[in-house]
Amino acid sequence: MLIEGPVEITLPDGGVVRSDRFMVAVCQCGRSARYPWCDTSHRRVPPRSRRGSGSA
């Protein structure tokens, strides 16, 4: 997700991270090594399988 910066994000543990960039990519998949910032890890790792997606 792209957000116009600067951005300040409060993490679930209460920590705060900040970016002064004019455009920020925020991780939504949880795979980023730079969480909460997107590092495009979602492009390198196959998507997780969905439950119940098999044939019945």
PDB file of N, CA and C in Angstrom:
ATOM      1  N   MET A   1       0.852  -1.150   0.000  1.00  0.00           N
ATOM      2  CA  MET A   1       0.000   0.000   0.000  1.00  0.00           C
ATOM      3  C   MET A   1       0.909   1.227   0.000  1.00  0.00           C
ATOM      4  N   LEU A   2       0.654   2.161  -0.901  1.00  0.00           N
ATOM      5  CA  LEU A   2       1.428   3.391  -0.963  1.00  0.00           C
ATOM      6  C   LEU A   2       0.716   4.488  -0.182  1.00  0.00           C
ATOM      7  N   ILE A   3       1.503   5.201   0.618  1.00  0.00           N
ATOM      8  CA  ILE A   3       0.979   6.295   1.432  1.00  0.00           C
ATOM      9  C   ILE A   3       1.859   7.512   1.201  1.00  0.00           C
ATOM     10  N   GLU A   4       1.241   8.681   1.072  1.00  0.00           N
ATOM     11  CA  GLU A   4       2.010   9.914   0.947  1.00  0.00           C
ATOM     12  C   GLU A   4       2.644  10.234   2.288  1.00  0.00           C
ATOM     13  N   GLY A   5       3.939  10.566   2.263  1.00  0.00           N
ATOM     14  CA  GLY A   5       4.671  10.858   3.482  1.00  0.00           C
ATOM     15  C   GLY A   5       4.724  12.346   3.756  1.00  0.00           C
ATOM     16  N   PRO A   6       5.374  12.716   4.839  1.00  0.00           N
ATOM     17  CA  PRO A   6       6.009  11.838   5.816  1.00  0.00           C
ATOM     18  C   PRO A   6       4.973  11.020   6.592  1.00  0.00           C
ATOM     19  N   VAL A   7       5.442   9.877   7.131  1.00  0.00           N
ATOM     20  CA  VAL A   7       4.551   8.922   7.781  1.00  0.00           C
ATOM     21  C   VAL A   7       5.112   8.536   9.144  1.00  0.00           C
ATOM     22  N   GLU A   8       4.218   8.395  10.113  1.00  0.00           N
ATOM     23  CA  GLU A   8       4.579   7.870  11.426  1.00  0.00           C
ATOM     24  C   GLU A   8       3.608   6.730  11.711  1.00  0.00           C
ATOM     25  N   ILE A   9       4.145   5.534  11.997  1.00  0.00           N
ATOM     26  CA  ILE A   9       3.320   4.347  12.221  1.00  0.00           C
ATOM     27  C   ILE A   9       3.575   3.820  13.627  1.00  0.00           C
ATOM     28  N   THR A  10       2.493   3.549  14.347  1.00  0.00           N
ATOM     29  CA  THR A  10       2.594   2.923  15.664  1.00  0.00           C
ATOM     30  C   THR A  10       2.417   1.423  15.473  1.00  0.00           C
ATOM     31  N   LEU A  11       3.407   0.657  15.895  1.00  0.00           N
ATOM     32  CA  LEU A  11       3.407  -0.796  15.751  1.00  0.00           C
ATOM     33  C   LEU A  11       2.570  -1.446  16.851  1.00  0.00           C
ATOM     34  N   PRO A  12       2.168  -2.707  16.662  1.00  0.00           N
ATOM     35  CA  PRO A  12       1.365  -3.405  17.675  1.00  0.00           C
ATOM     36  C   PRO A  12       2.031  -3.447  19.058  1.00  0.00           C
ATOM     37  N   ASP A  13       3.383  -3.455  19.094  1.00  0.00           N
ATOM     38  CA  ASP A  13       4.079  -3.503  20.385  1.00  0.00           C
ATOM     39  C   ASP A  13       4.237  -2.122  21.018  1.00  0.00           C
ATOM     40  N   GLY A  14       3.676  -1.091  20.375  1.00  0.00           N
ATOM     41  CA  GLY A  14       3.744   0.263  20.912  1.00  0.00           C
ATOM     42  C   GLY A  14       4.895   1.086  20.367  1.00  0.00           C
ATOM     43  N   GLY A  15       5.820   0.448  19.669  1.00  0.00           N
ATOM     44  CA  GLY A  15       6.934   1.169  19.061  1.00  0.00           C
ATOM     45  C   GLY A  15       6.444   2.061  17.931  1.00  0.00           C
ATOM     46  N   VAL A  16       7.199   3.117  17.660  1.00  0.00           N
ATOM     47  CA  VAL A  16       6.832   4.053  16.607  1.00  0.00           C
ATOM     48  C   VAL A  16       7.964   4.123  15.596  1.00  0.00           C
ATOM     49  N   VAL A  17       7.623   4.030  14.312  1.00  0.00           N
ATOM     50  CA  VAL A  17       8.606   4.179  13.240  1.00  0.00           C
ATOM     51  C   VAL A  17       8.163   5.337  12.362  1.00  0.00           C
ATOM     52  N   ARG A  18       9.149   6.022  11.777  1.00  0.00           N
ATOM     53  CA  ARG A  18       8.858   7.213  10.993  1.00  0.00           C
ATOM     54  C   ARG A  18       9.643   7.180   9.696  1.00  0.00           C
ATOM     55  N   SER A  19       9.031   7.694   8.642  1.00  0.00           N
ATOM     56  CA  SER A  19       9.703   7.876   7.363  1.00  0.00           C
ATOM     57  C   SER A  19       9.403   9.284   6.868  1.00  0.00           C
ATOM     58  N   ASP A  20      10.444   9.986   6.447  1.00  0.00           N
ATOM     59  CA  ASP A  20      10.287  11.338   5.920  1.00  0.00           C
ATOM     60  C   ASP A  20      10.180  11.356   4.403  1.00  0.00           C
ATOM     61  N   ARG A  21      10.141  10.183   3.779  1.00  0.00           N
ATOM     62  CA  ARG A  21      10.039  10.110   2.317  1.00  0.00           C
ATOM     63  C   ARG A  21       8.698  10.664   1.851  1.00  0.00           C
ATOM     64  N   PHE A  22       8.649  11.124   0.604  1.00  0.00           N
ATOM     65  CA  PHE A  22       7.406  11.699   0.084  1.00  0.00           C
ATOM     66  C   PHE A  22       6.384  10.624  -0.284  1.00  0.00           C
ATOM     67  N   MET A  23       6.834   9.384  -0.517  1.00  0.00           N
ATOM     68  CA  MET A  23       5.936   8.260  -0.802  1.00  0.00           C
ATOM     69  C   MET A  23       6.504   7.037  -0.087  1.00  0.00           C
ATOM     70  N   VAL A  24       5.651   6.323   0.635  1.00  0.00           N
ATOM     71  CA  VAL A  24       6.087   5.191   1.448  1.00  0.00           C
ATOM     72  C   VAL A  24       5.261   3.961   1.083  1.00  0.00           C
ATOM     73  N   ALA A  25       5.929   2.818   0.917  1.00  0.00           N
ATOM     74  CA  ALA A  25       5.241   1.548   0.679  1.00  0.00           C
ATOM     75  C   ALA A  25       5.176   0.793   2.004  1.00  0.00           C
ATOM     76  N   VAL A  26       3.966   0.507   2.449  1.00  0.00           N
ATOM     77  CA  VAL A  26       3.753  -0.183   3.719  1.00  0.00           C
ATOM     78  C   VAL A  26       3.442  -1.647   3.436  1.00  0.00           C
ATOM     79  N   CYS A  27       4.107  -2.551   4.168  1.00  0.00           N
ATOM     80  CA  CYS A  27       3.927  -3.992   3.989  1.00  0.00           C
ATOM     81  C   CYS A  27       2.540  -4.417   4.461  1.00  0.00           C
ATOM     82  N   GLN A  28       1.871  -5.211   3.638  1.00  0.00           N
ATOM     83  CA  GLN A  28       0.576  -5.772   4.015  1.00  0.00           C
ATOM     84  C   GLN A  28       0.624  -7.290   4.117  1.00  0.00           C
ATOM     85  N   CYS A  29       1.696  -7.913   3.605  1.00  0.00           N
ATOM     86  CA  CYS A  29       1.759  -9.377   3.593  1.00  0.00           C
ATOM     87  C   CYS A  29       2.468  -9.943   4.820  1.00  0.00           C
ATOM     88  N   GLY A  30       3.250  -9.127   5.517  1.00  0.00           N
ATOM     89  CA  GLY A  30       3.961  -9.589   6.701  1.00  0.00           C
ATOM     90  C   GLY A  30       5.272 -10.297   6.415  1.00  0.00           C
ATOM     91  N   ARG A  31       5.714 -10.351   5.156  1.00  0.00           N
ATOM     92  CA  ARG A  31       6.938 -11.067   4.789  1.00  0.00           C
ATOM     93  C   ARG A  31       8.171 -10.173   4.737  1.00  0.00           C
ATOM     94  N   SER A  32       8.001  -8.886   4.836  1.00  0.00           N
ATOM     95  CA  SER A  32       9.100  -7.947   4.677  1.00  0.00           C
ATOM     96  C   SER A  32      10.122  -8.060   5.807  1.00  0.00           C
ATOM     97  N   ALA A  33      11.397  -8.047   5.448  1.00  0.00           N
ATOM     98  CA  ALA A  33      12.469  -8.016   6.444  1.00  0.00           C
ATOM     99  C   ALA A  33      12.594  -6.616   7.039  1.00  0.00           C
ATOM    100  N   ARG A  34      11.948  -5.640   6.422  1.00  0.00           N
ATOM    101  CA  ARG A  34      12.001  -4.253   6.875  1.00  0.00           C
ATOM    102  C   ARG A  34      10.654  -3.792   7.432  1.00  0.00           C
ATOM    103  N   TYR A  35       9.817  -4.742   7.871  1.00  0.00           N
ATOM    104  CA  TYR A  35       8.480  -4.428   8.361  1.00  0.00           C
ATOM    105  C   TYR A  35       8.520  -3.244   9.317  1.00  0.00           C
ATOM    106  N   PRO A  36       7.656  -2.266   9.202  1.00  0.00           N
ATOM    107  CA  PRO A  36       6.416  -2.230   8.450  1.00  0.00           C
ATOM    108  C   PRO A  36       6.567  -1.724   7.011  1.00  0.00           C
ATOM    109  N   TRP A  37       7.799  -1.498   6.573  1.00  0.00           N
ATOM    110  CA  TRP A  37       8.007  -1.012   5.205  1.00  0.00           C
ATOM    111  C   TRP A  37       8.096  -2.189   4.240  1.00  0.00           C
ATOM    112  N   CYS A  38       7.531  -2.040   3.067  1.00  0.00           N
ATOM    113  CA  CYS A  38       7.559  -3.086   2.045  1.00  0.00           C
ATOM    114  C   CYS A  38       8.949  -3.168   1.424  1.00  0.00           C
ATOM    115  N   ASP A  39       9.482  -4.384   1.298  1.00  0.00           N
ATOM    116  CA  ASP A  39      10.759  -4.597   0.605  1.00  0.00           C
ATOM    117  C   ASP A  39      10.573  -5.508  -0.607  1.00  0.00           C
ATOM    118  N   THR A  40       9.362  -5.661  -1.064  1.00  0.00           N
ATOM    119  CA  THR A  40       8.940  -6.490  -2.206  1.00  0.00           C
ATOM    120  C   THR A  40       9.172  -7.983  -1.989  1.00  0.00           C
ATOM    121  N   SER A  41       9.261  -8.434  -0.750  1.00  0.00           N
ATOM    122  CA  SER A  41       9.403  -9.865  -0.462  1.00  0.00           C
ATOM    123  C   SER A  41       8.230 -10.659  -1.010  1.00  0.00           C
ATOM    124  N   HIS A  42       7.066 -10.047  -1.099  1.00  0.00           N
ATOM    125  CA  HIS A  42       5.874 -10.740  -1.607  1.00  0.00           C
ATOM    126  C   HIS A  42       6.068 -11.200  -3.044  1.00  0.00           C
ATOM    127  N   ARG A  43       6.977 -10.598  -3.769  1.00  0.00           N
ATOM    128  CA  ARG A  43       7.235 -10.999  -5.158  1.00  0.00           C
ATOM    129  C   ARG A  43       8.099 -12.253  -5.240  1.00  0.00           C
ATOM    130  N   ARG A  44       8.914 -12.510  -4.224  1.00  0.00           N
ATOM    131  CA  ARG A  44       9.856 -13.629  -4.238  1.00  0.00           C
ATOM    132  C   ARG A  44       9.320 -14.887  -3.578  1.00  0.00           C
ATOM    133  N   VAL A  45       8.299 -14.770  -2.762  1.00  0.00           N
ATOM    134  CA  VAL A  45       7.765 -15.903  -2.007  1.00  0.00           C
ATOM    135  C   VAL A  45       6.396 -16.266  -2.571  1.00  0.00           C
ATOM    136  N   PRO A  46       6.161 -17.557  -2.871  1.00  0.00           N
ATOM    137  CA  PRO A  46       4.843 -17.946  -3.390  1.00  0.00           C
ATOM    138  C   PRO A  46       3.740 -17.603  -2.397  1.00  0.00           C
ATOM    139  N   PRO A  47       2.556 -17.271  -2.881  1.00  0.00           N
ATOM    140  CA  PRO A  47       1.453 -16.951  -1.969  1.00  0.00           C
ATOM    141  C   PRO A  47       1.100 -18.137  -1.086  1.00  0.00           C
ATOM    142  N   ARG A  48       0.635 -17.832   0.110  1.00  0.00           N
ATOM    143  CA  ARG A  48       0.190 -18.887   1.026  1.00  0.00           C
ATOM    144  C   ARG A  48      -1.083 -19.503   0.468  1.00  0.00           C
ATOM    145  N   SER A  49      -1.224 -20.818   0.644  1.00  0.00           N
ATOM    146  CA  SER A  49      -2.429 -21.481   0.134  1.00  0.00           C
ATOM    147  C   SER A  49      -3.623 -21.108   1.004  1.00  0.00           C
ATOM    148  N   ARG A  50      -4.768 -21.017   0.364  1.00  0.00           N
ATOM    149  CA  ARG A  50      -6.001 -20.716   1.083  1.00  0.00           C
ATOM    150  C   ARG A  50      -6.619 -22.002   1.596  1.00  0.00           C
ATOM    151  N   ARG A  51      -7.234 -21.929   2.762  1.00  0.00           N
ATOM    152  CA  ARG A  51      -7.930 -23.090   3.316  1.00  0.00           C
ATOM    153  C   ARG A  51      -9.176 -23.360   2.504  1.00  0.00           C
ATOM    154  N   GLY A  52      -9.455 -24.624   2.293  1.00  0.00           N
ATOM    155  CA  GLY A  52     -10.691 -25.000   1.621  1.00  0.00           C
ATOM    156  C   GLY A  52     -10.709 -24.689   0.139  1.00  0.00           C
ATOM    157  N   SER A  53      -9.548 -24.495  -0.476  1.00  0.00           N
ATOM    158  CA  SER A  53      -9.535 -24.159  -1.896  1.00  0.00           C
ATOM    159  C   SER A  53      -9.493 -25.398  -2.786  1.00  0.00           C
ATOM    160  N   GLY A  54      -9.500 -26.597  -2.178  1.00  0.00           N
ATOM    161  CA  GLY A  54      -9.460 -27.834  -2.959  1.00  0.00           C
ATOM    162  C   GLY A  54     -10.813 -28.182  -3.548  1.00  0.00           C
ATOM    163  N   SER A  55     -10.829 -29.140  -4.448  1.00  0.00           N
ATOM    164  CA  SER A  55     -12.087 -29.581  -5.071  1.00  0.00           C
ATOM    165  C   SER A  55     -12.899 -30.402  -4.090  1.00  0.00           C
ATOM    166  N   ALA A  56     -14.224 -30.286  -4.171  1.00  0.00           N
ATOM    167  CA  ALA A  56     -15.091 -31.044  -3.269  1.00  0.00           C
ATOM    168  C   ALA A  56     -15.906 -32.057  -4.024  1.00  0.00           C
TER     169      ALA A  56
END
